[in-house]
Amino acid sequence: MMTRRRLAPSGKARRRKRAGPPARITALTALNALLAFPGYAHRMRKLALALLLLAPAPAFAAEGKVMLVTVKCHDLFVVEMGEKRYALLEWYGGYRPEKGDILTGNFVHFGVQDMYVGQRRLRVWVSDYDLTQDQINDRLADRCG
């Protein structure tokens, strides 16, 4: 027995209405749909790689030995970065470094940086870095008179 479709008054077949709201498209279902097609999977891998490359890198942390601490001259101190290269830092707060302390932090960016001596934190202003001994002497003479 053959079933008949009901016809609308105009003579055309009726379409069934969906029950309930339309399905939501989430990011996961869209991603699954894109990965189902081989051409898009390659593009998605490229996009993921580009996003990883553009993500910010972790801060560079190095160690340096405090070689000189000035108290009367703007709280400046000199850190040896290795290979006879030095950084000129100004103490802003926290632990006050002493000569011989091993300082861990980012010496190669100007401005305010948080650094550590062991577990003790201090805030410094990186005035200059990657200086020779003569350049450090000149900077200290300029700043301290």
C-alpha atoms as a PDB file:
ATOM      1  CA  MET A   1       0.000   0.000   0.000  1.00  0.00           C
ATOM      2  CA  MET A   2       1.383   3.331  -0.948  1.00  0.00           C
ATOM      3  CA  THR A   3       1.195   6.279   1.434  1.00  0.00           C
ATOM      4  CA  ARG A   4       0.025   9.567   0.131  1.00  0.00           C
ATOM      5  CA  ARG A   5       1.347  12.927   1.046  1.00  0.00           C
ATOM      6  CA  ARG A   6      -1.096  15.480   2.136  1.00  0.00           C
ATOM      7  CA  LEU A   7      -1.401  18.333  -0.234  1.00  0.00           C
ATOM      8  CA  ALA A   8      -1.884  21.934   0.692  1.00  0.00           C
ATOM      9  CA  PRO A   9      -4.878  23.780  -0.707  1.00  0.00           C
ATOM     10  CA  SER A  10      -2.617  25.071  -3.478  1.00  0.00           C
ATOM     11  CA  GLY A  11      -1.923  21.515  -4.577  1.00  0.00           C
ATOM     12  CA  LYS A  12       1.726  21.452  -3.422  1.00  0.00           C
ATOM     13  CA  ALA A  13       3.092  18.978  -0.893  1.00  0.00           C
ATOM     14  CA  ARG A  14       3.391  20.273   2.666  1.00  0.00           C
ATOM     15  CA  ARG A  15       6.736  20.487   4.349  1.00  0.00           C
ATOM     16  CA  ARG A  16       7.092  19.222   7.871  1.00  0.00           C
ATOM     17  CA  LYS A  17       7.940  21.786  10.480  1.00  0.00           C
ATOM     18  CA  ARG A  18      10.861  21.175  12.773  1.00  0.00           C
ATOM     19  CA  ALA A  19      10.077  20.518  16.336  1.00  0.00           C
ATOM     20  CA  GLY A  20      11.947  22.806  18.753  1.00  0.00           C
ATOM     21  CA  PRO A  21      14.531  25.551  18.190  1.00  0.00           C
ATOM     22  CA  PRO A  22      17.234  25.239  15.515  1.00  0.00           C
ATOM     23  CA  ALA A  23      20.417  23.477  16.560  1.00  0.00           C
ATOM     24  CA  ARG A  24      23.149  25.719  17.959  1.00  0.00           C
ATOM     25  CA  ILE A  25      26.473  25.809  16.235  1.00  0.00           C
ATOM     26  CA  THR A  26      29.231  25.829  18.798  1.00  0.00           C
ATOM     27  CA  ALA A  27      32.915  26.353  18.227  1.00  0.00           C
ATOM     28  CA  LEU A  28      33.518  22.640  18.701  1.00  0.00           C
ATOM     29  CA  THR A  29      30.947  21.608  16.102  1.00  0.00           C
ATOM     30  CA  ALA A  30      32.305  24.203  13.677  1.00  0.00           C
ATOM     31  CA  LEU A  31      35.840  22.893  14.239  1.00  0.00           C
ATOM     32  CA  ASN A  32      34.682  19.321  13.675  1.00  0.00           C
ATOM     33  CA  ALA A  33      32.965  20.391  10.470  1.00  0.00           C
ATOM     34  CA  LEU A  34      36.122  22.124   9.234  1.00  0.00           C
ATOM     35  CA  LEU A  35      38.314  19.162  10.084  1.00  0.00           C
ATOM     36  CA  ALA A  36      36.000  16.826   8.201  1.00  0.00           C
ATOM     37  CA  PHE A  37      37.204  18.392   4.954  1.00  0.00           C
ATOM     38  CA  PRO A  38      40.883  17.679   4.175  1.00  0.00           C
ATOM     39  CA  GLY A  39      41.592  21.126   2.717  1.00  0.00           C
ATOM     40  CA  TYR A  40      40.512  22.872   5.911  1.00  0.00           C
ATOM     41  CA  ALA A  41      42.532  20.646   8.240  1.00  0.00           C
ATOM     42  CA  HIS A  42      45.727  21.924   6.633  1.00  0.00           C
ATOM     43  CA  ARG A  43      44.576  25.522   7.057  1.00  0.00           C
ATOM     44  CA  MET A  44      43.653  24.912  10.689  1.00  0.00           C
ATOM     45  CA  ARG A  45      47.113  23.493  11.414  1.00  0.00           C
ATOM     46  CA  LYS A  46      48.677  26.588   9.860  1.00  0.00           C
ATOM     47  CA  LEU A  47      46.413  28.832  11.937  1.00  0.00           C
ATOM     48  CA  ALA A  48      47.264  26.960  15.144  1.00  0.00           C
ATOM     49  CA  LEU A  49      50.996  27.228  14.383  1.00  0.00           C
ATOM     50  CA  ALA A  50      50.688  30.953  13.682  1.00  0.00           C
ATOM     51  CA  LEU A  51      48.844  31.500  16.973  1.00  0.00           C
ATOM     52  CA  LEU A  52      51.554  29.623  18.873  1.00  0.00           C
ATOM     53  CA  LEU A  53      54.281  31.699  17.258  1.00  0.00           C
ATOM     54  CA  LEU A  54      52.490  34.952  18.069  1.00  0.00           C
ATOM     55  CA  ALA A  55      51.879  34.014  21.720  1.00  0.00           C
ATOM     56  CA  PRO A  56      54.008  35.980  24.148  1.00  0.00           C
ATOM     57  CA  ALA A  57      57.200  34.256  25.195  1.00  0.00           C
ATOM     58  CA  PRO A  58      58.008  33.733  28.842  1.00  0.00           C
ATOM     59  CA  ALA A  59      60.089  36.434  30.452  1.00  0.00           C
ATOM     60  CA  PHE A  60      63.834  36.001  30.192  1.00  0.00           C
ATOM     61  CA  ALA A  61      65.382  35.356  33.600  1.00  0.00           C
ATOM     62  CA  ALA A  62      69.122  35.522  34.172  1.00  0.00           C
ATOM     63  CA  GLU A  63      71.398  35.630  37.154  1.00  0.00           C
ATOM     64  CA  GLY A  64      73.871  38.350  37.975  1.00  0.00           C
ATOM     65  CA  LYS A  65      76.110  39.195  40.887  1.00  0.00           C
ATOM     66  CA  VAL A  66      75.710  42.561  42.629  1.00  0.00           C
ATOM     67  CA  MET A  67      79.109  44.241  42.322  1.00  0.00           C
ATOM     68  CA  LEU A  68      78.467  47.718  43.742  1.00  0.00           C
ATOM     69  CA  VAL A  69      75.682  49.301  45.819  1.00  0.00           C
ATOM     70  CA  THR A  70      75.410  53.080  46.218  1.00  0.00           C
ATOM     71  CA  VAL A  71      73.248  54.454  49.004  1.00  0.00           C
ATOM     72  CA  LYS A  72      73.743  58.197  48.707  1.00  0.00           C
ATOM     73  CA  CYS A  73      73.529  58.209  44.907  1.00  0.00           C
ATOM     74  CA  HIS A  74      69.878  57.497  43.947  1.00  0.00           C
ATOM     75  CA  ASP A  75      70.039  53.918  45.317  1.00  0.00           C
ATOM     76  CA  LEU A  76      71.935  52.717  42.249  1.00  0.00           C
ATOM     77  CA  PHE A  77      73.669  49.373  42.041  1.00  0.00           C
ATOM     78  CA  VAL A  78      75.706  47.528  39.450  1.00  0.00           C
ATOM     79  CA  VAL A  79      75.120  43.900  38.475  1.00  0.00           C
ATOM     80  CA  GLU A  80      77.636  41.810  36.545  1.00  0.00           C
ATOM     81  CA  MET A  81      75.760  40.008  33.761  1.00  0.00           C
ATOM     82  CA  GLY A  82      78.714  37.787  32.849  1.00  0.00           C
ATOM     83  CA  GLU A  83      81.651  38.078  30.458  1.00  0.00           C
ATOM     84  CA  LYS A  84      82.608  41.495  31.857  1.00  0.00           C
ATOM     85  CA  ARG A  85      79.220  43.019  30.940  1.00  0.00           C
ATOM     86  CA  TYR A  86      77.255  45.049  33.483  1.00  0.00           C
ATOM     87  CA  ALA A  87      73.781  46.449  34.130  1.00  0.00           C
ATOM     88  CA  LEU A  88      73.004  49.669  36.006  1.00  0.00           C
ATOM     89  CA  LEU A  89      69.879  49.304  38.171  1.00  0.00           C
ATOM     90  CA  GLU A  90      68.049  51.626  40.555  1.00  0.00           C
ATOM     91  CA  TRP A  91      66.388  50.154  43.664  1.00  0.00           C
ATOM     92  CA  TYR A  92      62.663  50.991  43.938  1.00  0.00           C
ATOM     93  CA  GLY A  93      61.406  48.797  46.759  1.00  0.00           C
ATOM     94  CA  GLY A  94      61.357  45.463  48.514  1.00  0.00           C
ATOM     95  CA  TYR A  95      64.546  43.748  49.571  1.00  0.00           C
ATOM     96  CA  ARG A  96      67.570  46.055  49.390  1.00  0.00           C
ATOM     97  CA  PRO A  97      70.417  44.192  47.633  1.00  0.00           C
ATOM     98  CA  GLU A  98      73.889  43.976  49.106  1.00  0.00           C
ATOM     99  CA  LYS A  99      77.269  43.510  47.485  1.00  0.00           C
ATOM    100  CA  GLY A 100      77.767  39.848  46.566  1.00  0.00           C
ATOM    101  CA  ASP A 101      74.043  38.958  46.299  1.00  0.00           C
ATOM    102  CA  ILE A 102      73.009  36.822  43.329  1.00  0.00           C
ATOM    103  CA  LEU A 103      70.143  38.611  41.611  1.00  0.00           C
ATOM    104  CA  THR A 104      67.697  36.722  39.358  1.00  0.00           C
ATOM    105  CA  GLY A 105      65.572  38.614  36.855  1.00  0.00           C
ATOM    106  CA  ASN A 106      65.340  40.295  33.491  1.00  0.00           C
ATOM    107  CA  PHE A 107      68.313  42.634  33.010  1.00  0.00           C
ATOM    108  CA  VAL A 108      67.846  43.229  29.281  1.00  0.00           C
ATOM    109  CA  HIS A 109      64.677  45.356  29.244  1.00  0.00           C
ATOM    110  CA  PHE A 110      64.533  48.981  30.317  1.00  0.00           C
ATOM    111  CA  GLY A 111      62.065  50.081  32.944  1.00  0.00           C
ATOM    112  CA  VAL A 112      60.594  48.602  36.111  1.00  0.00           C
ATOM    113  CA  GLN A 113      61.328  44.917  36.711  1.00  0.00           C
ATOM    114  CA  ASP A 114      60.664  42.535  39.582  1.00  0.00           C
ATOM    115  CA  MET A 115      63.775  40.594  40.554  1.00  0.00           C
ATOM    116  CA  TYR A 116      64.690  38.124  43.243  1.00  0.00           C
ATOM    117  CA  VAL A 117      67.549  37.404  45.616  1.00  0.00           C
ATOM    118  CA  GLY A 118      66.703  33.861  46.664  1.00  0.00           C
ATOM    119  CA  GLN A 119      63.047  34.051  47.730  1.00  0.00           C
ATOM    120  CA  ARG A 120      63.164  37.792  48.490  1.00  0.00           C
ATOM    121  CA  ARG A 121      61.594  40.086  45.902  1.00  0.00           C
ATOM    122  CA  LEU A 122      62.758  43.548  44.972  1.00  0.00           C
ATOM    123  CA  ARG A 123      61.587  46.071  42.417  1.00  0.00           C
ATOM    124  CA  VAL A 124      64.192  47.847  40.319  1.00  0.00           C
ATOM    125  CA  TRP A 125      64.435  50.253  37.412  1.00  0.00           C
ATOM    126  CA  VAL A 126      66.791  48.990  34.697  1.00  0.00           C
ATOM    127  CA  SER A 127      68.606  52.181  33.683  1.00  0.00           C
ATOM    128  CA  ASP A 128      71.082  50.594  31.296  1.00  0.00           C
ATOM    129  CA  TYR A 129      72.468  47.169  30.465  1.00  0.00           C
ATOM    130  CA  ASP A 130      75.175  45.413  28.438  1.00  0.00           C
ATOM    131  CA  LEU A 131      77.790  47.959  29.506  1.00  0.00           C
ATOM    132  CA  THR A 132      81.542  47.632  29.824  1.00  0.00           C
ATOM    133  CA  GLN A 133      83.466  48.633  32.958  1.00  0.00           C
ATOM    134  CA  ASP A 134      84.383  52.020  31.429  1.00  0.00           C
ATOM    135  CA  GLN A 135      80.776  52.699  30.421  1.00  0.00           C
ATOM    136  CA  ILE A 136      79.554  51.856  33.941  1.00  0.00           C
ATOM    137  CA  ASN A 137      82.118  54.256  35.428  1.00  0.00           C
ATOM    138  CA  ASP A 138      80.960  57.010  33.040  1.00  0.00           C
ATOM    139  CA  ARG A 139      77.248  56.425  33.854  1.00  0.00           C
ATOM    140  CA  LEU A 140      77.917  56.492  37.603  1.00  0.00           C
ATOM    141  CA  ALA A 141      79.991  59.689  37.251  1.00  0.00           C
ATOM    142  CA  ASP A 142      77.173  61.330  35.258  1.00  0.00           C
ATOM    143  CA  ARG A 143      74.437  60.316  37.726  1.00  0.00           C
ATOM    144  CA  CYS A 144      76.340  60.780  40.983  1.00  0.00           C
ATOM    145  CA  GLY A 145      78.366  63.841  40.075  1.00  0.00           C
END
